[in-house]
Amino acid sequence: MRETDEFSSVFRFRCVCALPGLDLLAAPNGLEYPRLGLIVPKKIIPTAVARNRIKRLIRESFRLNQNELIGLDLVARVKAKIDEADLVNVLHPGLKRCRSLVVSRAKSTPSINSGKP
């Protein structure tokens, strides 16, 4: 995901999985594949090397779990400094929990694309 509108639709859906050090926001995307957006603020992770390492770890976890995340837009937003080992251990179960929350929420709310052609 790269466009502001794509990120905005995920934020509007308001399905957040709070994990230690980061939030996973998710929304159904109506596509046959999952998409990932990353927010790693310079204020929280000051060095580019550390920011890029965190992004690589999140992308790899997403890649390994993408078969379970079909039809989702995910945004990973780093909110505090997190150790790389902790990040890896937290992401896998966090992605699964996020998927189940979106599925249950999507069943209880009307379609977010209902007004669009």
Protein backbone atom coordinates (compact mmCIF):
# COMPACT_ATOMS: atom_id res chain seq x y z
CA MET A 1 0.00 0.00 0.00
CA ARG A 2 1.30 3.41 -0.92
CA GLU A 3 -1.62 5.78 -1.38
CA THR A 4 -3.04 7.95 1.39
CA ASP A 5 -6.58 6.77 0.61
CA GLU A 6 -5.55 3.15 1.11
CA PHE A 7 -4.10 3.93 4.53
CA SER A 8 -7.12 6.08 5.41
CA SER A 9 -9.56 3.26 4.67
CA VAL A 10 -7.69 0.99 7.10
CA PHE A 11 -7.71 3.68 9.80
CA ARG A 12 -11.45 4.29 9.25
CA PHE A 13 -12.28 0.58 9.71
CA ARG A 14 -10.84 0.85 13.24
CA CYS A 15 -9.82 -2.74 13.80
CA VAL A 16 -6.65 -2.51 15.89
CA CYS A 17 -4.58 -5.31 17.39
CA ALA A 18 -2.34 -3.75 20.03
CA LEU A 19 0.94 -5.61 20.42
CA PRO A 20 3.93 -4.66 22.56
CA GLY A 21 5.70 -1.89 20.65
CA LEU A 22 3.36 -1.73 17.66
CA ASP A 23 -0.24 -1.63 16.50
CA LEU A 24 -1.60 -3.75 13.68
CA LEU A 25 -4.55 -2.11 11.94
CA ALA A 26 -6.58 -4.15 9.49
CA ALA A 27 -9.49 -3.84 7.10
CA PRO A 28 -10.96 -6.01 4.35
CA ASN A 29 -9.79 -4.92 0.90
CA GLY A 30 -12.03 -6.91 -1.44
CA LEU A 31 -9.01 -8.23 -3.35
CA GLU A 32 -7.66 -11.75 -3.72
CA TYR A 33 -4.38 -10.86 -2.04
CA PRO A 34 -3.28 -9.08 1.16
CA ARG A 35 -1.51 -5.71 1.22
CA LEU A 36 0.82 -4.27 3.83
CA GLY A 37 1.57 -0.70 4.85
CA LEU A 38 4.34 0.27 7.26
CA ILE A 39 4.63 3.26 9.57
CA VAL A 40 7.99 3.42 11.37
CA PRO A 41 8.48 6.96 12.71
CA LYS A 42 11.92 8.52 12.78
CA LYS A 43 11.05 10.03 16.16
CA ILE A 44 10.71 6.56 17.71
CA ILE A 45 13.43 4.70 15.76
CA PRO A 46 16.01 7.40 15.00
CA THR A 47 18.50 5.51 12.82
CA ALA A 48 17.70 4.47 9.26
CA VAL A 49 19.45 1.13 9.74
CA ALA A 50 17.19 0.22 12.67
CA ARG A 51 14.04 1.43 10.87
CA ASN A 52 14.88 -0.61 7.78
CA ARG A 53 15.63 -3.70 9.88
CA ILE A 54 12.24 -3.44 11.60
CA LYS A 55 10.52 -3.02 8.24
CA ARG A 56 12.31 -6.10 6.88
CA LEU A 57 11.24 -8.18 9.88
CA ILE A 58 7.61 -7.07 9.56
CA ARG A 59 7.60 -7.73 5.79
CA GLU A 60 9.08 -11.21 6.29
CA SER A 61 6.48 -12.11 8.92
CA PHE A 62 3.77 -10.82 6.58
CA ARG A 63 5.20 -12.88 3.70
CA LEU A 64 5.21 -16.06 5.79
CA ASN A 65 1.58 -15.52 6.86
CA GLN A 66 0.10 -14.04 3.69
CA ASN A 67 -1.92 -17.18 2.85
CA GLU A 68 -3.92 -16.63 6.04
CA LEU A 69 -4.36 -12.91 5.36
CA ILE A 70 -6.02 -13.03 1.93
CA GLY A 71 -8.36 -10.09 1.36
CA LEU A 72 -6.89 -7.86 4.07
CA ASP A 73 -5.15 -4.52 4.14
CA LEU A 74 -2.77 -4.36 7.09
CA VAL A 75 -0.94 -1.36 8.49
CA ALA A 76 1.84 -1.98 11.01
CA ARG A 77 2.45 1.17 13.07
CA VAL A 78 5.44 1.19 15.41
CA LYS A 79 4.57 3.05 18.61
CA ALA A 80 7.59 2.34 20.84
CA LYS A 81 11.08 0.93 20.64
CA ILE A 82 10.96 -2.84 20.41
CA ASP A 83 13.67 -5.47 20.47
CA GLU A 84 14.01 -7.41 17.20
CA ALA A 85 13.62 -10.79 18.92
CA ASP A 86 10.46 -9.62 20.68
CA LEU A 87 9.09 -8.27 17.40
CA VAL A 88 9.50 -11.61 15.65
CA ASN A 89 7.89 -13.52 18.55
CA VAL A 90 4.92 -11.14 18.77
CA LEU A 91 4.12 -10.68 15.07
CA HIS A 92 3.09 -14.20 14.07
CA PRO A 93 0.33 -14.64 16.70
CA GLY A 94 -0.59 -10.96 16.31
CA LEU A 95 -1.28 -11.37 12.59
CA LYS A 96 -3.53 -14.38 13.25
CA ARG A 97 -5.43 -12.53 15.97
CA CYS A 98 -5.84 -9.53 13.69
CA ARG A 99 -7.30 -11.75 10.95
CA SER A 100 -9.89 -13.24 13.30
CA LEU A 101 -10.87 -9.78 14.59
CA VAL A 102 -11.41 -8.43 11.08
CA VAL A 103 -13.49 -11.45 10.06
CA SER A 104 -15.73 -11.14 13.12
CA ARG A 105 -16.05 -7.38 12.71
CA ALA A 106 -16.76 -7.57 8.97
CA LYS A 107 -19.63 -10.00 9.66
CA SER A 108 -21.20 -7.60 12.16
CA THR A 109 -20.89 -4.38 10.10
CA PRO A 110 -22.13 -3.48 6.62
CA SER A 111 -19.66 -3.50 3.74
CA ILE A 112 -17.26 -0.55 3.66
CA ASN A 113 -17.52 -0.48 -0.13
CA SER A 114 -21.33 -0.42 -0.18
CA GLY A 115 -21.56 3.09 -1.67
CA LYS A 116 -19.02 2.58 -4.45
CA PRO A 117 -19.68 1.11 -7.92
